[in-house]
Amino acid sequence: MISVEIGIPSARVLLIDDNDHELRMNLDLLEERRELASIREHNYKRQLQKYYNSRVQRCEFDAGDYVFRNNEVSGQEPQSKLAPTWEGPYRIQKVLSKGAYKLEKLDGTEIPELGMGPN
């Protein structure tokens, strides 16, 4: 500070106090702003889910149907640009739940389940 500003407060010195007050108010309102952002994010995700689900065509298979399996998921073939995308055909042995199926080869041998394995 300049010695003159000590006795007579300038606009710059007066604004420092206002700035501190504004910063404290922003900190007080921070939680409210986060909550509003969270609500907007939730609404956006709900609208996106509704849009996506309205265009998805559900496809269900029955036991005995022939299907192909995505090679990327099964990992039977190493992934490269020229690797096949699908493997099979397989026959559905059993319908499990929510789009999960137990598969078998055409000669009747079971296909092991994909997943984490025993714990």
PDB file of N, CA and C in Angstrom:
ATOM      1  N   MET A   1       0.845  -1.184   0.000  1.00  0.00           N
ATOM      2  CA  MET A   1       0.000   0.000   0.000  1.00  0.00           C
ATOM      3  C   MET A   1       0.885   1.240   0.000  1.00  0.00           C
ATOM      4  N   ILE A   2       0.364   2.229  -0.616  1.00  0.00           N
ATOM      5  CA  ILE A   2       1.050   3.518  -0.603  1.00  0.00           C
ATOM      6  C   ILE A   2       0.652   4.213   0.687  1.00  0.00           C
ATOM      7  N   SER A   3       1.551   5.048   1.203  1.00  0.00           N
ATOM      8  CA  SER A   3       1.279   5.698   2.488  1.00  0.00           C
ATOM      9  C   SER A   3       0.024   6.566   2.458  1.00  0.00           C
ATOM     10  N   VAL A   4      -0.341   7.114   1.337  1.00  0.00           N
ATOM     11  CA  VAL A   4      -1.538   7.924   1.223  1.00  0.00           C
ATOM     12  C   VAL A   4      -2.780   7.052   1.410  1.00  0.00           C
ATOM     13  N   GLU A   5      -2.734   5.789   0.937  1.00  0.00           N
ATOM     14  CA  GLU A   5      -3.889   4.903   1.034  1.00  0.00           C
ATOM     15  C   GLU A   5      -4.160   4.463   2.465  1.00  0.00           C
ATOM     16  N   ILE A   6      -3.214   4.632   3.358  1.00  0.00           N
ATOM     17  CA  ILE A   6      -3.421   4.230   4.741  1.00  0.00           C
ATOM     18  C   ILE A   6      -4.474   5.117   5.397  1.00  0.00           C
ATOM     19  N   GLY A   7      -4.375   6.407   5.181  1.00  0.00           N
ATOM     20  CA  GLY A   7      -5.323   7.333   5.798  1.00  0.00           C
ATOM     21  C   GLY A   7      -6.619   7.444   5.035  1.00  0.00           C
ATOM     22  N   ILE A   8      -6.561   7.446   3.708  1.00  0.00           N
ATOM     23  CA  ILE A   8      -7.757   7.599   2.876  1.00  0.00           C
ATOM     24  C   ILE A   8      -7.915   6.304   2.070  1.00  0.00           C
ATOM     25  N   PRO A   9      -8.937   5.525   2.356  1.00  0.00           N
ATOM     26  CA  PRO A   9      -9.101   4.271   1.612  1.00  0.00           C
ATOM     27  C   PRO A   9      -9.482   4.527   0.155  1.00  0.00           C
ATOM     28  N   SER A  10      -8.804   3.857  -0.742  1.00  0.00           N
ATOM     29  CA  SER A  10      -9.114   3.994  -2.171  1.00  0.00           C
ATOM     30  C   SER A  10     -10.135   2.919  -2.569  1.00  0.00           C
ATOM     31  N   ALA A  11     -10.570   3.005  -3.796  1.00  0.00           N
ATOM     32  CA  ALA A  11     -11.543   2.033  -4.308  1.00  0.00           C
ATOM     33  C   ALA A  11     -10.926   0.630  -4.311  1.00  0.00           C
ATOM     34  N   ARG A  12      -9.628   0.540  -4.586  1.00  0.00           N
ATOM     35  CA  ARG A  12      -8.958  -0.753  -4.610  1.00  0.00           C
ATOM     36  C   ARG A  12      -8.982  -1.403  -3.230  1.00  0.00           C
ATOM     37  N   VAL A  13      -8.735  -0.630  -2.186  1.00  0.00           N
ATOM     38  CA  VAL A  13      -8.735  -1.161  -0.827  1.00  0.00           C
ATOM     39  C   VAL A  13     -10.155  -1.546  -0.409  1.00  0.00           C
ATOM     40  N   LEU A  14     -11.135  -0.760  -0.780  1.00  0.00           N
ATOM     41  CA  LEU A  14     -12.521  -1.070  -0.434  1.00  0.00           C
ATOM     42  C   LEU A  14     -13.012  -2.335  -1.143  1.00  0.00           C
ATOM     43  N   LEU A  15     -12.549  -2.557  -2.361  1.00  0.00           N
ATOM     44  CA  LEU A  15     -12.978  -3.733  -3.111  1.00  0.00           C
ATOM     45  C   LEU A  15     -12.382  -5.019  -2.559  1.00  0.00           C
ATOM     46  N   ILE A  16     -11.261  -4.936  -1.863  1.00  0.00           N
ATOM     47  CA  ILE A  16     -10.655  -6.136  -1.275  1.00  0.00           C
ATOM     48  C   ILE A  16     -11.613  -6.746  -0.259  1.00  0.00           C
ATOM     49  N   ASP A  17     -12.234  -5.916   0.572  1.00  0.00           N
ATOM     50  CA  ASP A  17     -13.193  -6.420   1.547  1.00  0.00           C
ATOM     51  C   ASP A  17     -14.412  -7.030   0.860  1.00  0.00           C
ATOM     52  N   ASP A  18     -14.898  -6.366  -0.200  1.00  0.00           N
ATOM     53  CA  ASP A  18     -16.038  -6.913  -0.948  1.00  0.00           C
ATOM     54  C   ASP A  18     -15.672  -8.233  -1.610  1.00  0.00           C
ATOM     55  N   ASN A  19     -14.431  -8.328  -2.088  1.00  0.00           N
ATOM     56  CA  ASN A  19     -13.990  -9.548  -2.750  1.00  0.00           C
ATOM     57  C   ASN A  19     -13.963 -10.717  -1.763  1.00  0.00           C
ATOM     58  N   ASP A  20     -13.482 -10.473  -0.561  1.00  0.00           N
ATOM     59  CA  ASP A  20     -13.475 -11.521   0.460  1.00  0.00           C
ATOM     60  C   ASP A  20     -14.904 -11.984   0.762  1.00  0.00           C
ATOM     61  N   HIS A  21     -15.810 -11.033   0.854  1.00  0.00           N
ATOM     62  CA  HIS A  21     -17.200 -11.367   1.118  1.00  0.00           C
ATOM     63  C   HIS A  21     -17.779 -12.202  -0.024  1.00  0.00           C
ATOM     64  N   GLU A  22     -17.493 -11.820  -1.256  1.00  0.00           N
ATOM     65  CA  GLU A  22     -17.988 -12.567  -2.418  1.00  0.00           C
ATOM     66  C   GLU A  22     -17.403 -13.979  -2.452  1.00  0.00           C
ATOM     67  N   LEU A  23     -16.129 -14.130  -2.120  1.00  0.00           N
ATOM     68  CA  LEU A  23     -15.508 -15.452  -2.093  1.00  0.00           C
ATOM     69  C   LEU A  23     -16.156 -16.345  -1.038  1.00  0.00           C
ATOM     70  N   ARG A  24     -16.462 -15.787   0.123  1.00  0.00           N
ATOM     71  CA  ARG A  24     -17.135 -16.564   1.165  1.00  0.00           C
ATOM     72  C   ARG A  24     -18.538 -16.973   0.728  1.00  0.00           C
ATOM     73  N   MET A  25     -19.236 -16.080   0.037  1.00  0.00           N
ATOM     74  CA  MET A  25     -20.574 -16.421  -0.459  1.00  0.00           C
ATOM     75  C   MET A  25     -20.497 -17.537  -1.503  1.00  0.00           C
ATOM     76  N   ASN A  26     -19.479 -17.463  -2.380  1.00  0.00           N
ATOM     77  CA  ASN A  26     -19.311 -18.519  -3.384  1.00  0.00           C
ATOM     78  C   ASN A  26     -19.052 -19.864  -2.715  1.00  0.00           C
ATOM     79  N   LEU A  27     -18.279 -19.879  -1.651  1.00  0.00           N
ATOM     80  CA  LEU A  27     -18.022 -21.124  -0.934  1.00  0.00           C
ATOM     81  C   LEU A  27     -19.293 -21.654  -0.280  1.00  0.00           C
ATOM     82  N   ASP A  28     -20.128 -20.743   0.221  1.00  0.00           N
ATOM     83  CA  ASP A  28     -21.390 -21.163   0.837  1.00  0.00           C
ATOM     84  C   ASP A  28     -22.340 -21.763  -0.209  1.00  0.00           C
ATOM     85  N   LEU A  29     -22.323 -21.222  -1.420  1.00  0.00           N
ATOM     86  CA  LEU A  29     -23.226 -21.682  -2.467  1.00  0.00           C
ATOM     87  C   LEU A  29     -22.676 -22.862  -3.263  1.00  0.00           C
ATOM     88  N   LEU A  30     -21.443 -23.258  -2.975  1.00  0.00           N
ATOM     89  CA  LEU A  30     -20.796 -24.318  -3.748  1.00  0.00           C
ATOM     90  C   LEU A  30     -21.568 -25.636  -3.667  1.00  0.00           C
ATOM     91  N   GLU A  31     -22.001 -26.009  -2.475  1.00  0.00           N
ATOM     92  CA  GLU A  31     -22.733 -27.273  -2.308  1.00  0.00           C
ATOM     93  C   GLU A  31     -24.050 -27.241  -3.078  1.00  0.00           C
ATOM     94  N   GLU A  32     -24.724 -26.110  -3.065  1.00  0.00           N
ATOM     95  CA  GLU A  32     -25.980 -25.983  -3.803  1.00  0.00           C
ATOM     96  C   GLU A  32     -25.740 -26.115  -5.312  1.00  0.00           C
ATOM     97  N   ARG A  33     -24.670 -25.506  -5.804  1.00  0.00           N
ATOM     98  CA  ARG A  33     -24.346 -25.612  -7.228  1.00  0.00           C
ATOM     99  C   ARG A  33     -24.029 -27.059  -7.603  1.00  0.00           C
ATOM    100  N   ARG A  34     -23.330 -27.771  -6.732  1.00  0.00           N
ATOM    101  CA  ARG A  34     -23.030 -29.180  -6.996  1.00  0.00           C
ATOM    102  C   ARG A  34     -24.306 -30.009  -7.053  1.00  0.00           C
ATOM    103  N   GLU A  35     -25.230 -29.753  -6.148  1.00  0.00           N
ATOM    104  CA  GLU A  35     -26.502 -30.471  -6.156  1.00  0.00           C
ATOM    105  C   GLU A  35     -27.289 -30.201  -7.431  1.00  0.00           C
ATOM    106  N   LEU A  36     -27.327 -28.941  -7.881  1.00  0.00           N
ATOM    107  CA  LEU A  36     -28.029 -28.605  -9.120  1.00  0.00           C
ATOM    108  C   LEU A  36     -27.377 -29.282 -10.314  1.00  0.00           C
ATOM    109  N   ALA A  37     -26.047 -29.329 -10.339  1.00  0.00           N
ATOM    110  CA  ALA A  37     -25.344 -30.005 -11.428  1.00  0.00           C
ATOM    111  C   ALA A  37     -25.636 -31.497 -11.413  1.00  0.00           C
ATOM    112  N   SER A  38     -25.715 -32.081 -10.230  1.00  0.00           N
ATOM    113  CA  SER A  38     -26.025 -33.502 -10.110  1.00  0.00           C
ATOM    114  C   SER A  38     -27.437 -33.796 -10.608  1.00  0.00           C
ATOM    115  N   ILE A  39     -28.378 -32.928 -10.285  1.00  0.00           N
ATOM    116  CA  ILE A  39     -29.760 -33.096 -10.747  1.00  0.00           C
ATOM    117  C   ILE A  39     -29.833 -32.987 -12.266  1.00  0.00           C
ATOM    118  N   ARG A  40     -29.130 -32.004 -12.849  1.00  0.00           N
ATOM    119  CA  ARG A  40     -29.117 -31.857 -14.305  1.00  0.00           C
ATOM    120  C   ARG A  40     -28.492 -33.075 -14.973  1.00  0.00           C
ATOM    121  N   GLU A  41     -27.407 -33.590 -14.378  1.00  0.00           N
ATOM    122  CA  GLU A  41     -26.755 -34.775 -14.931  1.00  0.00           C
ATOM    123  C   GLU A  41     -27.697 -35.981 -14.896  1.00  0.00           C
ATOM    124  N   HIS A  42     -28.398 -36.153 -13.788  1.00  0.00           N
ATOM    125  CA  HIS A  42     -29.345 -37.271 -13.660  1.00  0.00           C
ATOM    126  C   HIS A  42     -30.455 -37.163 -14.706  1.00  0.00           C
ATOM    127  N   ASN A  43     -30.996 -35.968 -14.895  1.00  0.00           N
ATOM    128  CA  ASN A  43     -32.056 -35.765 -15.890  1.00  0.00           C
ATOM    129  C   ASN A  43     -31.551 -36.044 -17.297  1.00  0.00           C
ATOM    130  N   TYR A  44     -30.334 -35.602 -17.593  1.00  0.00           N
ATOM    131  CA  TYR A  44     -29.757 -35.836 -18.913  1.00  0.00           C
ATOM    132  C   TYR A  44     -29.569 -37.335 -19.156  1.00  0.00           C
ATOM    133  N   LYS A  45     -29.049 -38.057 -18.173  1.00  0.00           N
ATOM    134  CA  LYS A  45     -28.844 -39.495 -18.329  1.00  0.00           C
ATOM    135  C   LYS A  45     -30.171 -40.228 -18.486  1.00  0.00           C
ATOM    136  N   ARG A  46     -31.202 -39.790 -17.775  1.00  0.00           N
ATOM    137  CA  ARG A  46     -32.518 -40.408 -17.894  1.00  0.00           C
ATOM    138  C   ARG A  46     -33.076 -40.197 -19.297  1.00  0.00           C
ATOM    139  N   GLN A  47     -32.939 -38.981 -19.852  1.00  0.00           N
ATOM    140  CA  GLN A  47     -33.410 -38.707 -21.205  1.00  0.00           C
ATOM    141  C   GLN A  47     -32.628 -39.531 -22.229  1.00  0.00           C
ATOM    142  N   LEU A  48     -31.324 -39.648 -22.037  1.00  0.00           N
ATOM    143  CA  LEU A  48     -30.492 -40.423 -22.943  1.00  0.00           C
ATOM    144  C   LEU A  48     -30.875 -41.899 -22.898  1.00  0.00           C
ATOM    145  N   GLN A  49     -31.126 -42.416 -21.712  1.00  0.00           N
ATOM    146  CA  GLN A  49     -31.540 -43.813 -21.556  1.00  0.00           C
ATOM    147  C   GLN A  49     -32.892 -44.045 -22.231  1.00  0.00           C
ATOM    148  N   LYS A  50     -33.811 -43.120 -22.057  1.00  0.00           N
ATOM    149  CA  LYS A  50     -35.133 -43.245 -22.679  1.00  0.00           C
ATOM    150  C   LYS A  50     -35.009 -43.242 -24.199  1.00  0.00           C
ATOM    151  N   TYR A  51     -34.178 -42.368 -24.741  1.00  0.00           N
ATOM    152  CA  TYR A  51     -33.960 -42.298 -26.183  1.00  0.00           C
ATOM    153  C   TYR A  51     -33.357 -43.601 -26.697  1.00  0.00           C
ATOM    154  N   TYR A  52     -32.340 -44.103 -26.019  1.00  0.00           N
ATOM    155  CA  TYR A  52     -31.674 -45.334 -26.438  1.00  0.00           C
ATOM    156  C   TYR A  52     -32.634 -46.521 -26.365  1.00  0.00           C
ATOM    157  N   ASN A  53     -33.329 -46.662 -25.250  1.00  0.00           N
ATOM    158  CA  ASN A  53     -34.229 -47.801 -25.063  1.00  0.00           C
ATOM    159  C   ASN A  53     -35.404 -47.788 -26.032  1.00  0.00           C
ATOM    160  N   SER A  54     -35.805 -46.633 -26.525  1.00  0.00           N
ATOM    161  CA  SER A  54     -36.913 -46.578 -27.471  1.00  0.00           C
ATOM    162  C   SER A  54     -36.505 -47.105 -28.846  1.00  0.00           C
ATOM    163  N   ARG A  55     -35.190 -47.144 -29.134  1.00  0.00           N
ATOM    164  CA  ARG A  55     -34.730 -47.581 -30.441  1.00  0.00           C
ATOM    165  C   ARG A  55     -34.111 -48.977 -30.450  1.00  0.00           C
ATOM    166  N   VAL A  56     -33.917 -49.564 -29.302  1.00  0.00           N
ATOM    167  CA  VAL A  56     -33.338 -50.898 -29.231  1.00  0.00           C
ATOM    168  C   VAL A  56     -34.404 -51.929 -29.554  1.00  0.00           C
ATOM    169  N   GLN A  57     -34.054 -52.858 -30.427  1.00  0.00           N
ATOM    170  CA  GLN A  57     -34.992 -53.926 -30.756  1.00  0.00           C
ATOM    171  C   GLN A  57     -34.572 -55.171 -29.988  1.00  0.00           C
ATOM    172  N   ARG A  58     -35.440 -55.624 -29.145  1.00  0.00           N
ATOM    173  CA  ARG A  58     -35.144 -56.780 -28.312  1.00  0.00           C
ATOM    174  C   ARG A  58     -35.198 -58.043 -29.167  1.00  0.00           C
ATOM    175  N   CYS A  59     -34.199 -58.890 -29.022  1.00  0.00           N
ATOM    176  CA  CYS A  59     -34.109 -60.113 -29.791  1.00  0.00           C
ATOM    177  C   CYS A  59     -33.917 -61.269 -28.810  1.00  0.00           C
ATOM    178  N   GLU A  60     -34.872 -62.177 -28.759  1.00  0.00           N
ATOM    179  CA  GLU A  60     -34.777 -63.309 -27.852  1.00  0.00           C
ATOM    180  C   GLU A  60     -34.710 -64.599 -28.650  1.00  0.00           C
ATOM    181  N   PHE A  61     -33.963 -65.553 -28.118  1.00  0.00           N
ATOM    182  CA  PHE A  61     -33.788 -66.836 -28.776  1.00  0.00           C
ATOM    183  C   PHE A  61     -34.372 -67.937 -27.897  1.00  0.00           C
ATOM    184  N   ASP A  62     -34.687 -69.056 -28.514  1.00  0.00           N
ATOM    185  CA  ASP A  62     -35.210 -70.215 -27.795  1.00  0.00           C
ATOM    186  C   ASP A  62     -34.191 -71.337 -27.856  1.00  0.00           C
ATOM    187  N   ALA A  63     -34.367 -72.313 -26.997  1.00  0.00           N
ATOM    188  CA  ALA A  63     -33.487 -73.479 -27.017  1.00  0.00           C
ATOM    189  C   ALA A  63     -33.606 -74.169 -28.367  1.00  0.00           C
ATOM    190  N   GLY A  64     -32.466 -74.532 -28.937  1.00  0.00           N
ATOM    191  CA  GLY A  64     -32.439 -75.178 -30.242  1.00  0.00           C
ATOM    192  C   GLY A  64     -32.132 -74.240 -31.387  1.00  0.00           C
ATOM    193  N   ASP A  65     -32.175 -72.923 -31.157  1.00  0.00           N
ATOM    194  CA  ASP A  65     -31.842 -71.958 -32.208  1.00  0.00           C
ATOM    195  C   ASP A  65     -30.339 -71.961 -32.453  1.00  0.00           C
ATOM    196  N   TYR A  66     -29.950 -71.626 -33.673  1.00  0.00           N
ATOM    197  CA  TYR A  66     -28.539 -71.523 -34.022  1.00  0.00           C
ATOM    198  C   TYR A  66     -28.113 -70.065 -33.924  1.00  0.00           C
ATOM    199  N   VAL A  67     -26.944 -69.827 -33.328  1.00  0.00           N
ATOM    200  CA  VAL A  67     -26.446 -68.465 -33.134  1.00  0.00           C
ATOM    201  C   VAL A  67     -24.950 -68.430 -33.395  1.00  0.00           C
ATOM    202  N   PHE A  68     -24.428 -67.227 -33.602  1.00  0.00           N
ATOM    203  CA  PHE A  68     -22.999 -66.969 -33.652  1.00  0.00           C
ATOM    204  C   PHE A  68     -22.613 -66.234 -32.375  1.00  0.00           C
ATOM    205  N   ARG A  69     -21.352 -66.337 -31.972  1.00  0.00           N
ATOM    206  CA  ARG A  69     -20.873 -65.659 -30.768  1.00  0.00           C
ATOM    207  C   ARG A  69     -19.798 -64.666 -31.164  1.00  0.00           C
ATOM    208  N   ASN A  70     -19.812 -63.509 -30.549  1.00  0.00           N
ATOM    209  CA  ASN A  70     -18.842 -62.457 -30.839  1.00  0.00           C
ATOM    210  C   ASN A  70     -17.460 -62.913 -30.397  1.00  0.00           C
ATOM    211  N   ASN A  71     -16.499 -62.872 -31.291  1.00  0.00           N
ATOM    212  CA  ASN A  71     -15.155 -63.337 -30.999  1.00  0.00           C
ATOM    213  C   ASN A  71     -14.437 -62.415 -30.017  1.00  0.00           C
ATOM    214  N   GLU A  72     -14.768 -61.147 -30.018  1.00  0.00           N
ATOM    215  CA  GLU A  72     -14.121 -60.201 -29.105  1.00  0.00           C
ATOM    216  C   GLU A  72     -14.447 -60.538 -27.654  1.00  0.00           C
ATOM    217  N   VAL A  73     -15.651 -60.998 -27.408  1.00  0.00           N
ATOM    218  CA  VAL A  73     -16.079 -61.337 -26.053  1.00  0.00           C
ATOM    219  C   VAL A  73     -15.482 -62.664 -25.616  1.00  0.00           C
ATOM    220  N   SER A  74     -15.527 -63.647 -26.501  1.00  0.00           N
ATOM    221  CA  SER A  74     -15.071 -64.979 -26.120  1.00  0.00           C
ATOM    222  C   SER A  74     -13.558 -65.079 -26.053  1.00  0.00           C
ATOM    223  N   GLY A  75     -12.844 -64.349 -26.902  1.00  0.00           N
ATOM    224  CA  GLY A  75     -11.392 -64.372 -26.884  1.00  0.00           C
ATOM    225  C   GLY A  75     -10.796 -65.653 -27.429  1.00  0.00           C
ATOM    226  N   GLN A  76     -11.531 -66.423 -28.237  1.00  0.00           N
ATOM    227  CA  GLN A  76     -11.017 -67.669 -28.795  1.00  0.00           C
ATOM    228  C   GLN A  76      -9.920 -67.402 -29.813  1.00  0.00           C
ATOM    229  N   GLU A  77     -10.082 -66.378 -30.625  1.00  0.00           N
ATOM    230  CA  GLU A  77      -9.095 -66.006 -31.633  1.00  0.00           C
ATOM    231  C   GLU A  77      -8.385 -64.737 -31.158  1.00  0.00           C
ATOM    232  N   PRO A  78      -7.078 -64.612 -31.424  1.00  0.00           N
ATOM    233  CA  PRO A  78      -6.404 -63.365 -31.059  1.00  0.00           C
ATOM    234  C   PRO A  78      -6.955 -62.200 -31.874  1.00  0.00           C
ATOM    235  N   GLN A  79      -7.092 -61.050 -31.247  1.00  0.00           N
ATOM    236  CA  GLN A  79      -7.684 -59.903 -31.911  1.00  0.00           C
ATOM    237  C   GLN A  79      -6.658 -59.226 -32.810  1.00  0.00           C
ATOM    238  N   SER A  80      -7.029 -59.040 -34.041  1.00  0.00           N
ATOM    239  CA  SER A  80      -6.234 -58.273 -35.000  1.00  0.00           C
ATOM    240  C   SER A  80      -7.205 -57.705 -36.026  1.00  0.00           C
ATOM    241  N   LYS A  81      -6.667 -56.937 -36.940  1.00  0.00           N
ATOM    242  CA  LYS A  81      -7.523 -56.307 -37.936  1.00  0.00           C
ATOM    243  C   LYS A  81      -8.204 -57.347 -38.830  1.00  0.00           C
ATOM    244  N   LEU A  82      -7.507 -58.432 -39.104  1.00  0.00           N
ATOM    245  CA  LEU A  82      -8.037 -59.429 -40.026  1.00  0.00           C
ATOM    246  C   LEU A  82      -8.676 -60.627 -39.326  1.00  0.00           C
ATOM    247  N   ALA A  83      -8.799 -60.576 -38.020  1.00  0.00           N
ATOM    248  CA  ALA A  83      -9.398 -61.684 -37.279  1.00  0.00           C
ATOM    249  C   ALA A  83     -10.898 -61.724 -37.533  1.00  0.00           C
ATOM    250  N   PRO A  84     -11.512 -62.904 -37.478  1.00  0.00           N
ATOM    251  CA  PRO A  84     -12.956 -62.978 -37.685  1.00  0.00           C
ATOM    252  C   PRO A  84     -13.707 -62.306 -36.536  1.00  0.00           C
ATOM    253  N   THR A  85     -14.831 -61.705 -36.869  1.00  0.00           N
ATOM    254  CA  THR A  85     -15.639 -61.020 -35.867  1.00  0.00           C
ATOM    255  C   THR A  85     -16.512 -61.998 -35.102  1.00  0.00           C
ATOM    256  N   TRP A  86     -17.016 -63.016 -35.786  1.00  0.00           N
ATOM    257  CA  TRP A  86     -17.954 -63.960 -35.189  1.00  0.00           C
ATOM    258  C   TRP A  86     -17.381 -65.364 -35.240  1.00  0.00           C
ATOM    259  N   GLU A  87     -17.784 -66.187 -34.310  1.00  0.00           N
ATOM    260  CA  GLU A  87     -17.415 -67.597 -34.327  1.00  0.00           C
ATOM    261  C   GLU A  87     -18.677 -68.423 -34.163  1.00  0.00           C
ATOM    262  N   GLY A  88     -18.641 -69.601 -34.688  1.00  0.00           N
ATOM    263  CA  GLY A  88     -19.798 -70.470 -34.561  1.00  0.00           C
ATOM    264  C   GLY A  88     -20.069 -71.157 -35.870  1.00  0.00           C
ATOM    265  N   PRO A  89     -21.198 -71.699 -36.103  1.00  0.00           N
ATOM    266  CA  PRO A  89     -22.440 -71.544 -35.367  1.00  0.00           C
ATOM    267  C   PRO A  89     -22.498 -72.438 -34.133  1.00  0.00           C
ATOM    268  N   TYR A  90     -23.296 -72.007 -33.175  1.00  0.00           N
ATOM    269  CA  TYR A  90     -23.559 -72.766 -31.959  1.00  0.00           C
ATOM    270  C   TYR A  90     -25.058 -72.989 -31.849  1.00  0.00           C
ATOM    271  N   ARG A  91     -25.436 -73.937 -31.047  1.00  0.00           N
ATOM    272  CA  ARG A  91     -26.847 -74.208 -30.779  1.00  0.00           C
ATOM    273  C   ARG A  91     -27.114 -73.790 -29.333  1.00  0.00           C
ATOM    274  N   ILE A  92     -28.258 -73.175 -29.103  1.00  0.00           N
ATOM    275  CA  ILE A  92     -28.633 -72.794 -27.740  1.00  0.00           C
ATOM    276  C   ILE A  92     -29.136 -74.051 -27.036  1.00  0.00           C
ATOM    277  N   GLN A  93     -28.426 -74.395 -25.960  1.00  0.00           N
ATOM    278  CA  GLN A  93     -28.795 -75.588 -25.190  1.00  0.00           C
ATOM    279  C   GLN A  93     -29.869 -75.250 -24.164  1.00  0.00           C
ATOM    280  N   LYS A  94     -29.693 -74.093 -23.502  1.00  0.00           N
ATOM    281  CA  LYS A  94     -30.606 -73.728 -22.424  1.00  0.00           C
ATOM    282  C   LYS A  94     -30.689 -72.207 -22.350  1.00  0.00           C
ATOM    283  N   VAL A  95     -31.895 -71.683 -22.139  1.00  0.00           N
ATOM    284  CA  VAL A  95     -32.086 -70.251 -21.953  1.00  0.00           C
ATOM    285  C   VAL A  95     -31.959 -69.976 -20.462  1.00  0.00           C
ATOM    286  N   LEU A  96     -31.004 -69.120 -20.081  1.00  0.00           N
ATOM    287  CA  LEU A  96     -30.804 -68.806 -18.664  1.00  0.00           C
ATOM    288  C   LEU A  96     -31.684 -67.611 -18.308  1.00  0.00           C
ATOM    289  N   SER A  97     -31.121 -66.457 -18.051  1.00  0.00           N
ATOM    290  CA  SER A  97     -31.948 -65.292 -17.705  1.00  0.00           C
ATOM    291  C   SER A  97     -31.365 -64.035 -18.315  1.00  0.00           C
ATOM    292  N   LYS A  98     -32.230 -63.070 -18.614  1.00  0.00           N
ATOM    293  CA  LYS A  98     -31.846 -61.747 -19.101  1.00  0.00           C
ATOM    294  C   LYS A  98     -30.891 -61.804 -20.289  1.00  0.00           C
ATOM    295  N   GLY A  99     -31.202 -62.601 -21.272  1.00  0.00           N
ATOM    296  CA  GLY A  99     -30.391 -62.653 -22.481  1.00  0.00           C
ATOM    297  C   GLY A  99     -29.159 -63.522 -22.368  1.00  0.00           C
ATOM    298  N   ALA A 100     -29.070 -64.351 -21.345  1.00  0.00           N
ATOM    299  CA  ALA A 100     -27.940 -65.261 -21.186  1.00  0.00           C
ATOM    300  C   ALA A 100     -28.364 -66.650 -21.664  1.00  0.00           C
ATOM    301  N   TYR A 101     -27.455 -67.318 -22.347  1.00  0.00           N
ATOM    302  CA  TYR A 101     -27.771 -68.616 -22.926  1.00  0.00           C
ATOM    303  C   TYR A 101     -26.623 -69.589 -22.669  1.00  0.00           C
ATOM    304  N   LYS A 102     -26.944 -70.828 -22.530  1.00  0.00           N
ATOM    305  CA  LYS A 102     -25.970 -71.910 -22.448  1.00  0.00           C
ATOM    306  C   LYS A 102     -25.826 -72.460 -23.860  1.00  0.00           C
ATOM    307  N   LEU A 103     -24.592 -72.443 -24.402  1.00  0.00           N
ATOM    308  CA  LEU A 103     -24.360 -72.839 -25.781  1.00  0.00           C
ATOM    309  C   LEU A 103     -23.711 -74.213 -25.860  1.00  0.00           C
ATOM    310  N   GLU A 104     -23.894 -74.847 -27.026  1.00  0.00           N
ATOM    311  CA  GLU A 104     -23.209 -76.097 -27.315  1.00  0.00           C
ATOM    312  C   GLU A 104     -22.820 -76.087 -28.790  1.00  0.00           C
ATOM    313  N   LYS A 105     -21.759 -76.840 -29.106  1.00  0.00           N
ATOM    314  CA  LYS A 105     -21.366 -76.968 -30.509  1.00  0.00           C
ATOM    315  C   LYS A 105     -22.388 -77.849 -31.216  1.00  0.00           C
ATOM    316  N   LEU A 106     -22.299 -77.884 -32.521  1.00  0.00           N
ATOM    317  CA  LEU A 106     -23.282 -78.657 -33.287  1.00  0.00           C
ATOM    318  C   LEU A 106     -23.156 -80.155 -33.037  1.00  0.00           C
ATOM    319  N   ASP A 107     -21.960 -80.613 -32.590  1.00  0.00           N
ATOM    320  CA  ASP A 107     -21.813 -82.034 -32.288  1.00  0.00           C
ATOM    321  C   ASP A 107     -22.274 -82.379 -30.876  1.00  0.00           C
ATOM    322  N   GLY A 108     -22.723 -81.390 -30.101  1.00  0.00           N
ATOM    323  CA  GLY A 108     -23.286 -81.635 -28.780  1.00  0.00           C
ATOM    324  C   GLY A 108     -22.358 -81.334 -27.620  1.00  0.00           C
ATOM    325  N   THR A 109     -21.097 -80.973 -27.872  1.00  0.00           N
ATOM    326  CA  THR A 109     -20.186 -80.656 -26.759  1.00  0.00           C
ATOM    327  C   THR A 109     -20.512 -79.276 -26.208  1.00  0.00           C
ATOM    328  N   GLU A 110     -20.495 -79.177 -24.872  1.00  0.00           N
ATOM    329  CA  GLU A 110     -20.841 -77.921 -24.204  1.00  0.00           C
ATOM    330  C   GLU A 110     -19.733 -76.901 -24.360  1.00  0.00           C
ATOM    331  N   ILE A 111     -20.140 -75.643 -24.432  1.00  0.00           N
ATOM    332  CA  ILE A 111     -19.196 -74.532 -24.464  1.00  0.00           C
ATOM    333  C   ILE A 111     -19.065 -74.023 -23.038  1.00  0.00           C
ATOM    334  N   PRO A 112     -17.823 -73.902 -22.499  1.00  0.00           N
ATOM    335  CA  PRO A 112     -17.691 -73.410 -21.117  1.00  0.00           C
ATOM    336  C   PRO A 112     -18.161 -71.960 -21.005  1.00  0.00           C
ATOM    337  N   GLU A 113     -18.654 -71.618 -19.822  1.00  0.00           N
ATOM    338  CA  GLU A 113     -19.141 -70.267 -19.576  1.00  0.00           C
ATOM    339  C   GLU A 113     -17.997 -69.272 -19.574  1.00  0.00           C
ATOM    340  N   LEU A 114     -18.282 -68.073 -20.044  1.00  0.00           N
ATOM    341  CA  LEU A 114     -17.322 -66.981 -19.962  1.00  0.00           C
ATOM    342  C   LEU A 114     -17.517 -66.286 -18.644  1.00  0.00           C
ATOM    343  N   GLY A 115     -16.485 -65.708 -18.097  1.00  0.00           N
ATOM    344  CA  GLY A 115     -16.652 -64.986 -16.855  1.00  0.00           C
ATOM    345  C   GLY A 115     -15.401 -65.045 -16.011  1.00  0.00           C
ATOM    346  N   MET A 116     -15.591 -64.816 -14.728  1.00  0.00           N
ATOM    347  CA  MET A 116     -14.485 -64.689 -13.803  1.00  0.00           C
ATOM    348  C   MET A 116     -13.906 -66.037 -13.413  1.00  0.00           C
ATOM    349  N   GLY A 117     -14.692 -67.091 -13.464  1.00  0.00           N
ATOM    350  CA  GLY A 117     -14.205 -68.387 -13.015  1.00  0.00           C
ATOM    351  C   GLY A 117     -14.431 -68.543 -11.531  1.00  0.00           C
ATOM    352  N   PRO A 118     -13.956 -69.647 -10.953  1.00  0.00           N
ATOM    353  CA  PRO A 118     -14.180 -69.867  -9.512  1.00  0.00           C
ATOM    354  C   PRO A 118     -13.363 -68.910  -8.686  1.00  0.00           C
ATOM    355  N   ASN A 119     -13.928 -68.496  -7.550  1.00  0.00           N
ATOM    356  CA  ASN A 119     -13.224 -67.557  -6.648  1.00  0.00           C
ATOM    357  C   ASN A 119     -12.432 -68.301  -5.616  1.00  0.00           C
TER     358      ASN A 119
END
